[in-house]
N, C-alpha and C. Protein backbone atom coordinates (compact mmCIF):
# COMPACT_ATOMS: atom_id res chain seq x y z
N MET A 1 2.15 14.56 -7.50
CA MET A 1 2.99 13.40 -7.27
C MET A 1 2.75 12.40 -8.39
N ASP A 2 3.80 11.78 -8.87
CA ASP A 2 3.70 10.73 -9.87
C ASP A 2 3.14 9.49 -9.19
N LEU A 3 1.97 9.08 -9.64
CA LEU A 3 1.32 7.93 -9.00
C LEU A 3 2.09 6.63 -9.19
N ASN A 4 2.94 6.57 -10.18
CA ASN A 4 3.68 5.34 -10.44
C ASN A 4 4.81 5.08 -9.44
N ILE A 5 5.13 6.05 -8.58
CA ILE A 5 6.19 5.80 -7.60
C ILE A 5 5.68 5.00 -6.41
N ILE A 6 4.36 4.87 -6.31
CA ILE A 6 3.83 4.09 -5.20
C ILE A 6 4.29 2.65 -5.38
N ARG A 7 4.77 2.05 -4.32
CA ARG A 7 5.42 0.74 -4.38
C ARG A 7 4.45 -0.42 -4.17
N LEU A 8 3.22 -0.27 -4.56
CA LEU A 8 2.23 -1.30 -4.27
C LEU A 8 2.56 -2.62 -4.96
N LYS A 9 2.90 -2.57 -6.22
CA LYS A 9 3.20 -3.81 -6.95
C LYS A 9 4.47 -4.45 -6.40
N GLU A 10 5.48 -3.63 -6.20
CA GLU A 10 6.77 -4.14 -5.71
C GLU A 10 6.61 -4.87 -4.38
N ILE A 11 5.94 -4.26 -3.43
CA ILE A 11 5.83 -4.87 -2.11
C ILE A 11 4.90 -6.08 -2.14
N ARG A 12 3.88 -6.03 -3.00
CA ARG A 12 2.99 -7.19 -3.13
C ARG A 12 3.77 -8.38 -3.67
N GLU A 13 4.55 -8.16 -4.72
CA GLU A 13 5.33 -9.25 -5.30
C GLU A 13 6.41 -9.74 -4.34
N ASP A 14 7.01 -8.83 -3.58
CA ASP A 14 8.01 -9.23 -2.59
C ASP A 14 7.43 -10.16 -1.54
N ASN A 15 6.11 -10.04 -1.31
CA ASN A 15 5.44 -10.87 -0.32
C ASN A 15 4.71 -12.06 -0.96
N ASP A 16 5.00 -12.32 -2.24
CA ASP A 16 4.40 -13.44 -2.98
C ASP A 16 2.87 -13.46 -2.89
N LEU A 17 2.28 -12.28 -3.06
CA LEU A 17 0.82 -12.15 -3.01
C LEU A 17 0.27 -11.81 -4.39
N LYS A 18 -0.99 -12.18 -4.61
CA LYS A 18 -1.71 -11.82 -5.81
C LYS A 18 -2.52 -10.56 -5.52
N GLN A 19 -2.91 -9.86 -6.56
CA GLN A 19 -3.75 -8.69 -6.38
C GLN A 19 -5.03 -9.05 -5.62
N GLU A 20 -5.57 -10.21 -5.89
CA GLU A 20 -6.80 -10.65 -5.22
C GLU A 20 -6.59 -10.74 -3.71
N ASP A 21 -5.42 -11.19 -3.29
CA ASP A 21 -5.13 -11.33 -1.86
C ASP A 21 -5.15 -9.98 -1.17
N VAL A 22 -4.50 -9.00 -1.79
CA VAL A 22 -4.42 -7.68 -1.18
C VAL A 22 -5.78 -6.99 -1.24
N ALA A 23 -6.47 -7.14 -2.35
CA ALA A 23 -7.81 -6.55 -2.48
C ALA A 23 -8.74 -7.10 -1.39
N ARG A 24 -8.67 -8.38 -1.15
CA ARG A 24 -9.49 -9.00 -0.10
C ARG A 24 -9.17 -8.40 1.26
N ALA A 25 -7.89 -8.20 1.54
CA ALA A 25 -7.48 -7.62 2.83
C ALA A 25 -8.00 -6.19 2.99
N LEU A 26 -8.15 -5.48 1.86
CA LEU A 26 -8.64 -4.10 1.90
C LEU A 26 -10.16 -4.02 1.82
N GLY A 27 -10.80 -5.14 1.50
CA GLY A 27 -12.25 -5.15 1.37
C GLY A 27 -12.73 -4.51 0.08
N ILE A 28 -11.93 -4.65 -0.98
CA ILE A 28 -12.29 -4.09 -2.28
C ILE A 28 -12.16 -5.16 -3.34
N LYS A 29 -12.60 -4.84 -4.56
CA LYS A 29 -12.48 -5.77 -5.68
C LYS A 29 -11.07 -5.70 -6.27
N GLN A 30 -10.66 -6.81 -6.88
CA GLN A 30 -9.33 -6.89 -7.50
C GLN A 30 -9.15 -5.80 -8.54
N GLN A 31 -10.18 -5.51 -9.32
CA GLN A 31 -10.09 -4.48 -10.36
C GLN A 31 -9.73 -3.12 -9.77
N GLN A 32 -10.35 -2.77 -8.64
CA GLN A 32 -10.05 -1.49 -7.99
C GLN A 32 -8.60 -1.47 -7.51
N TYR A 33 -8.16 -2.57 -6.92
CA TYR A 33 -6.77 -2.62 -6.46
C TYR A 33 -5.80 -2.50 -7.64
N SER A 34 -6.12 -3.14 -8.75
CA SER A 34 -5.29 -3.06 -9.94
C SER A 34 -5.16 -1.60 -10.40
N GLU A 35 -6.23 -0.85 -10.31
CA GLU A 35 -6.19 0.56 -10.69
C GLU A 35 -5.28 1.36 -9.76
N TYR A 36 -5.23 1.00 -8.50
CA TYR A 36 -4.30 1.64 -7.57
C TYR A 36 -2.86 1.36 -8.00
N GLU A 37 -2.57 0.09 -8.27
CA GLU A 37 -1.21 -0.29 -8.66
C GLU A 37 -0.76 0.40 -9.94
N ARG A 38 -1.66 0.54 -10.88
CA ARG A 38 -1.31 1.14 -12.16
C ARG A 38 -1.32 2.66 -12.13
N GLY A 39 -1.75 3.24 -11.03
CA GLY A 39 -1.78 4.69 -10.91
C GLY A 39 -2.92 5.33 -11.65
N VAL A 40 -3.94 4.55 -11.99
CA VAL A 40 -5.10 5.07 -12.70
C VAL A 40 -6.01 5.84 -11.75
N VAL A 41 -6.09 5.36 -10.51
CA VAL A 41 -6.96 5.96 -9.50
C VAL A 41 -6.12 6.27 -8.26
N LEU A 42 -6.38 7.42 -7.68
CA LEU A 42 -5.70 7.76 -6.42
C LEU A 42 -6.19 6.86 -5.30
N ILE A 43 -5.28 6.41 -4.48
CA ILE A 43 -5.64 5.59 -3.33
C ILE A 43 -5.85 6.50 -2.12
N SER A 44 -6.87 6.23 -1.35
CA SER A 44 -7.19 7.07 -0.19
C SER A 44 -6.16 6.86 0.92
N ILE A 45 -6.06 7.83 1.78
CA ILE A 45 -5.15 7.73 2.92
C ILE A 45 -5.57 6.57 3.83
N GLU A 46 -6.87 6.32 3.92
CA GLU A 46 -7.35 5.20 4.75
C GLU A 46 -6.87 3.87 4.20
N LYS A 47 -6.90 3.73 2.88
CA LYS A 47 -6.42 2.48 2.26
C LYS A 47 -4.90 2.37 2.39
N LEU A 48 -4.19 3.48 2.24
CA LEU A 48 -2.74 3.44 2.43
C LEU A 48 -2.40 3.04 3.86
N ASP A 49 -3.16 3.55 4.82
CA ASP A 49 -2.94 3.19 6.22
C ASP A 49 -3.15 1.70 6.43
N LYS A 50 -4.21 1.16 5.84
CA LYS A 50 -4.46 -0.29 5.95
C LYS A 50 -3.34 -1.10 5.31
N LEU A 51 -2.86 -0.63 4.16
CA LEU A 51 -1.77 -1.33 3.49
C LEU A 51 -0.48 -1.28 4.29
N ALA A 52 -0.20 -0.14 4.89
CA ALA A 52 1.00 -0.03 5.72
C ALA A 52 0.94 -1.01 6.89
N ASP A 53 -0.23 -1.12 7.51
CA ASP A 53 -0.39 -2.10 8.59
C ASP A 53 -0.29 -3.52 8.05
N PHE A 54 -0.92 -3.78 6.92
CA PHE A 54 -0.92 -5.11 6.30
C PHE A 54 0.51 -5.58 6.01
N TYR A 55 1.33 -4.69 5.49
CA TYR A 55 2.71 -5.03 5.14
C TYR A 55 3.71 -4.72 6.25
N ASN A 56 3.23 -4.22 7.38
CA ASN A 56 4.09 -3.86 8.50
C ASN A 56 5.20 -2.90 8.07
N THR A 57 4.77 -1.82 7.43
CA THR A 57 5.68 -0.78 6.97
C THR A 57 5.04 0.58 7.19
N SER A 58 5.60 1.61 6.62
CA SER A 58 5.03 2.96 6.76
C SER A 58 4.40 3.42 5.45
N ILE A 59 3.49 4.36 5.54
CA ILE A 59 2.93 4.98 4.34
C ILE A 59 4.05 5.65 3.56
N ASP A 60 4.99 6.26 4.25
CA ASP A 60 6.12 6.91 3.56
C ASP A 60 6.86 5.92 2.67
N TYR A 61 7.04 4.69 3.14
CA TYR A 61 7.70 3.68 2.31
C TYR A 61 6.84 3.36 1.08
N LEU A 62 5.54 3.18 1.29
CA LEU A 62 4.66 2.82 0.19
C LEU A 62 4.63 3.87 -0.91
N VAL A 63 4.74 5.14 -0.54
CA VAL A 63 4.67 6.20 -1.55
C VAL A 63 6.05 6.68 -2.00
N GLY A 64 7.10 6.02 -1.54
CA GLY A 64 8.44 6.33 -2.03
C GLY A 64 9.14 7.48 -1.35
N ARG A 65 8.67 7.90 -0.18
CA ARG A 65 9.32 9.01 0.53
C ARG A 65 10.52 8.55 1.34
N THR A 66 10.62 7.24 1.57
CA THR A 66 11.75 6.66 2.27
C THR A 66 12.01 5.28 1.71
N ASP A 67 13.24 4.81 1.85
CA ASP A 67 13.57 3.45 1.47
C ASP A 67 13.60 2.52 2.68
N GLU A 68 13.30 3.06 3.84
CA GLU A 68 13.28 2.28 5.09
C GLU A 68 11.94 1.56 5.21
N ARG A 69 11.98 0.23 5.18
CA ARG A 69 10.73 -0.54 5.26
C ARG A 69 10.17 -0.64 6.68
N LYS A 70 11.03 -0.46 7.65
CA LYS A 70 10.61 -0.60 9.04
C LYS A 70 9.52 0.42 9.36
N PRO A 71 8.42 -0.02 10.00
CA PRO A 71 7.35 0.93 10.32
C PRO A 71 7.75 1.88 11.44
N TYR A 72 7.08 3.01 11.49
CA TYR A 72 7.28 3.94 12.60
C TYR A 72 6.62 3.39 13.84
N LYS A 73 7.03 3.88 15.00
CA LYS A 73 6.34 3.52 16.24
C LYS A 73 4.94 4.09 16.19
N LYS A 74 3.99 3.34 16.73
CA LYS A 74 2.60 3.78 16.74
C LYS A 74 2.42 4.94 17.70
N SER A 75 1.62 5.88 17.29
CA SER A 75 1.33 7.05 18.11
C SER A 75 0.34 6.69 19.22
N ILE A 76 0.48 7.33 20.35
CA ILE A 76 -0.48 7.10 21.43
C ILE A 76 -1.79 7.84 21.15
N LEU A 77 -1.81 8.66 20.11
CA LEU A 77 -3.00 9.43 19.77
C LEU A 77 -4.01 8.62 18.99
N LYS A 78 -3.64 7.45 18.51
CA LYS A 78 -4.57 6.64 17.71
C LYS A 78 -5.68 6.08 18.51
C-alpha cells in the first residue's frame, strides 16, 4: 500500500489541529507523528484505531478505502 494515501495530514488540517495536538492525543512525540504523516514509518493498527476514534471516523476513511467520513457502528465484540 502507498503510505502517502493515508489521510492523516488532510484530516488534521480539516480539524485545525497541529501535529503536536494529535501526537499528544496518541501519547507519542510530534516527530513520530510527523513520520506517520509523511509515510516514513508504518502506523500501527492500534494507533489507527485511536485516530479513528479521535476524529470520529473509520480506519477505512483514514487509509483511503472509503470517502465516507461517518464512522461505522461499534461492534458489541469490543
